[in-house]
Amino acid sequence: MLSVRYVLAITGSSGIRYGVRLLEVFEGESILVASETAKGMMEMEAGLTYGEVSAMADHVFEEWDLFAPIASGSYQFDGMVVAPCSISTLSKMACGIADNLITRAAMVCLKEGRNLILVSRETPLNAIILENQLKLARAGATILPASPGFYHRPRTIEEMVDFVVGKILDQIGQDHQFFRRWDGME
């Protein structure tokens, strides 16, 4: 596989384990940005400190650092995954609000035609959320809800997390063996 450079953002939505797992298995250069709320949820949901999570990344930038290289379209990176993507963050992106490094890097992806994968976890969805997701999809983002499949018969929460992370890796083009692929009726 060719070397890739991705921004992996973790926002303050439930589902921190998706972002952490992605950091654990991502093959390439990883650039982590975590929101302040996400930092607090890491210990609550994953039993990990922010220091432990940030140690998994090749580069780490703070959410407030709009002078970080990924805030500029001239900095070369292949794309960005926001996992989990809070509805607040998704809504800001849909409105073009780039008031922190996560939303700014997402805007860079959209304007430069780079891969932007948003792993939303909210449920149920109201019309505002659906319209914002549609707006972002039309702008070029991939909306990848954290919706695990069950045809591979997961037995643990980790296998359910790996299903969603495997779908993210499929979008990036990274090979994995996180679940048995659908091959029709057995």
Protein backbone atom coordinates (compact mmCIF):
# COMPACT_ATOMS: atom_id res chain seq x y z
CA MET A 1 0.00 0.00 0.00
CA LEU A 2 1.22 3.50 -0.78
CA SER A 3 2.04 5.71 2.15
CA VAL A 4 -0.90 7.88 3.16
CA ARG A 5 -1.28 10.79 5.52
CA TYR A 6 -4.65 11.22 7.21
CA VAL A 7 -6.08 13.55 9.80
CA LEU A 8 -7.93 11.50 12.39
CA ALA A 9 -10.22 13.74 14.41
CA ILE A 10 -12.13 12.63 17.48
CA THR A 11 -15.01 14.81 18.65
CA GLY A 12 -17.12 14.73 21.78
CA SER A 13 -19.81 12.31 20.74
CA SER A 14 -20.38 8.91 22.22
CA GLY A 15 -18.41 6.39 20.19
CA ILE A 16 -14.86 7.34 21.17
CA ARG A 17 -13.88 3.70 20.70
CA TYR A 18 -14.26 4.06 16.92
CA GLY A 19 -11.65 6.80 16.77
CA VAL A 20 -9.29 5.07 19.18
CA ARG A 21 -9.52 1.78 17.30
CA LEU A 22 -8.89 3.55 14.01
CA LEU A 23 -5.72 5.09 15.48
CA GLU A 24 -4.60 1.63 16.63
CA VAL A 25 -4.88 0.03 13.18
CA PHE A 26 -4.31 2.87 10.72
CA GLU A 27 -1.40 2.14 8.36
CA GLY A 28 0.09 5.44 7.37
CA GLU A 29 0.99 8.77 8.87
CA SER A 30 -1.67 9.81 11.37
CA ILE A 31 -2.40 13.35 12.49
CA LEU A 32 -4.65 13.50 15.55
CA VAL A 33 -6.91 16.35 16.59
CA ALA A 34 -9.27 15.75 19.52
CA SER A 35 -11.89 18.15 20.76
CA GLU A 36 -11.84 19.13 24.42
CA THR A 37 -15.06 17.18 25.02
CA ALA A 38 -13.55 14.12 23.33
CA LYS A 39 -10.56 14.27 25.65
CA GLY A 40 -12.90 14.01 28.62
CA MET A 41 -14.88 11.16 27.09
CA MET A 42 -11.80 9.04 26.32
CA GLU A 43 -11.43 7.90 29.89
CA MET A 44 -15.18 7.51 30.39
CA GLU A 45 -15.81 5.39 27.29
CA ALA A 46 -12.46 3.80 26.46
CA GLY A 47 -10.67 3.77 29.82
CA LEU A 48 -7.77 5.67 28.26
CA THR A 49 -6.23 9.03 29.03
CA TYR A 50 -5.76 11.62 26.31
CA GLY A 51 -2.01 11.09 26.70
CA GLU A 52 -2.39 7.38 25.95
CA VAL A 53 -4.55 8.07 22.89
CA SER A 54 -2.34 10.87 21.53
CA ALA A 55 0.73 8.61 21.87
CA MET A 56 -0.79 6.40 19.14
CA ALA A 57 -0.60 9.21 16.57
CA ASP A 58 2.40 10.38 14.56
CA HIS A 59 1.47 14.05 15.02
CA VAL A 60 -0.93 15.76 17.42
CA PHE A 61 -2.45 19.22 17.19
CA GLU A 62 -4.81 21.01 19.52
CA GLU A 63 -8.34 21.86 18.44
CA TRP A 64 -7.70 25.60 18.89
CA ASP A 65 -4.49 25.68 16.82
CA LEU A 66 -5.56 27.28 13.55
CA PHE A 67 -1.87 27.78 12.68
CA ALA A 68 -1.32 24.00 12.41
CA PRO A 69 -0.25 22.85 8.94
CA ILE A 70 -3.52 20.95 8.31
CA ALA A 71 -5.41 24.27 8.41
CA SER A 72 -3.96 25.11 4.99
CA GLY A 73 -4.83 23.63 1.63
CA SER A 74 -1.17 23.87 0.64
CA TYR A 75 -0.24 21.24 3.27
CA GLN A 76 -0.44 17.83 1.64
CA PHE A 77 -2.56 15.20 3.35
CA ASP A 78 -4.79 12.60 1.75
CA GLY A 79 -7.94 13.08 3.74
CA MET A 80 -9.65 13.17 7.07
CA VAL A 81 -11.79 10.91 9.21
CA VAL A 82 -13.88 12.33 12.04
CA ALA A 83 -14.77 9.40 14.31
CA PRO A 84 -16.97 9.92 16.12
CA CYS A 85 -18.34 13.07 14.55
CA SER A 86 -20.61 14.98 16.88
CA ILE A 87 -23.73 16.50 15.39
CA SER A 88 -22.50 19.92 16.50
CA THR A 89 -19.27 19.46 14.50
CA LEU A 90 -21.18 18.07 11.52
CA SER A 91 -23.58 21.02 11.62
CA LYS A 92 -20.74 23.54 11.69
CA MET A 93 -19.17 21.84 8.68
CA ALA A 94 -22.48 21.89 6.80
CA CYS A 95 -22.73 25.64 7.39
CA GLY A 96 -19.10 26.31 6.42
CA ILE A 97 -18.08 27.30 9.95
CA ALA A 98 -14.36 26.69 10.40
CA ASP A 99 -13.84 28.03 13.91
CA ASN A 100 -11.48 25.30 15.16
CA LEU A 101 -8.87 23.01 13.65
CA ILE A 102 -11.27 20.11 13.15
CA THR A 103 -13.82 22.12 11.18
CA ARG A 104 -11.10 24.03 9.32
CA ALA A 105 -9.29 20.85 8.24
CA ALA A 106 -12.65 19.46 7.08
CA MET A 107 -13.21 22.59 5.01
CA VAL A 108 -9.73 22.13 3.51
CA CYS A 109 -10.71 18.59 2.49
CA LEU A 110 -13.90 19.77 0.83
CA LYS A 111 -12.33 22.71 -1.00
CA GLU A 112 -9.32 20.66 -2.14
CA GLY A 113 -11.38 17.61 -3.15
CA ARG A 114 -9.81 15.36 -0.53
CA ASN A 115 -11.46 12.43 1.18
CA LEU A 116 -13.61 13.49 4.17
CA ILE A 117 -15.30 10.70 6.14
CA LEU A 118 -17.74 11.65 8.89
CA VAL A 119 -18.66 8.87 11.30
CA SER A 120 -21.80 10.15 12.96
CA ARG A 121 -23.24 8.17 15.82
CA GLU A 122 -26.36 10.13 16.79
CA THR A 123 -29.77 8.48 16.76
CA PRO A 124 -32.58 9.18 16.06
CA LEU A 125 -31.99 11.75 13.35
CA ASN A 126 -34.20 14.79 12.90
CA ALA A 127 -34.74 16.71 9.66
CA ILE A 128 -32.02 19.27 10.50
CA ILE A 129 -29.39 16.56 10.97
CA LEU A 130 -30.46 14.75 7.81
CA GLU A 131 -30.36 17.98 5.80
CA ASN A 132 -26.88 18.77 7.12
CA GLN A 133 -25.66 15.27 6.24
CA LEU A 134 -27.15 15.62 2.76
CA LYS A 135 -25.52 19.03 2.31
CA LEU A 136 -22.12 17.58 3.25
CA ALA A 137 -22.61 14.50 1.05
CA ARG A 138 -23.40 16.78 -1.88
CA ALA A 139 -20.25 18.78 -1.10
CA GLY A 140 -18.15 15.61 -1.35
CA ALA A 141 -18.05 14.17 2.18
CA THR A 142 -18.74 10.52 2.91
CA ILE A 143 -21.35 10.10 5.64
CA LEU A 144 -20.54 6.82 7.38
CA PRO A 145 -22.93 6.27 10.30
CA ALA A 146 -21.57 4.10 13.09
CA SER A 147 -24.01 1.31 12.24
CA PRO A 148 -22.49 -2.12 12.73
CA GLY A 149 -23.69 -5.00 10.57
CA PHE A 150 -24.60 -8.37 11.99
CA TYR A 151 -24.25 -10.77 9.03
CA HIS A 152 -20.73 -11.61 10.21
CA ARG A 153 -22.22 -12.61 13.60
CA PRO A 154 -20.23 -10.42 15.99
CA ARG A 155 -19.91 -11.83 19.49
CA THR A 156 -18.25 -8.91 21.26
CA ILE A 157 -18.47 -5.15 21.34
CA GLU A 158 -14.96 -5.08 19.88
CA GLU A 159 -16.14 -7.03 16.83
CA MET A 160 -18.99 -4.55 16.38
CA VAL A 161 -16.54 -1.63 16.63
CA ASP A 162 -14.21 -3.37 14.18
CA PHE A 163 -17.04 -3.69 11.65
CA VAL A 164 -17.49 0.09 11.55
CA VAL A 165 -13.72 0.72 11.59
CA GLY A 166 -13.40 -1.78 8.74
CA LYS A 167 -15.92 0.25 6.73
CA ILE A 168 -13.81 3.36 7.39
CA LEU A 169 -10.67 1.53 6.26
CA ASP A 170 -12.51 0.45 3.09
CA GLN A 171 -13.11 4.14 2.31
CA ILE A 172 -9.42 4.93 2.86
CA GLY A 173 -8.30 1.95 0.78
CA GLN A 174 -6.54 0.09 3.61
CA ASP A 175 -6.78 -3.70 3.58
CA HIS A 176 -8.10 -5.37 6.71
CA GLN A 177 -9.63 -8.58 8.00
CA PHE A 178 -12.01 -7.03 10.53
CA PHE A 179 -15.08 -8.89 9.33
CA ARG A 180 -16.10 -11.58 6.90
CA ARG A 181 -17.32 -9.88 3.74
CA TRP A 182 -20.78 -10.59 2.45
CA ASP A 183 -20.69 -13.31 -0.18
CA GLY A 184 -24.38 -14.10 -0.47
CA MET A 185 -26.32 -16.88 1.13
CA GLU A 186 -24.34 -19.63 2.80
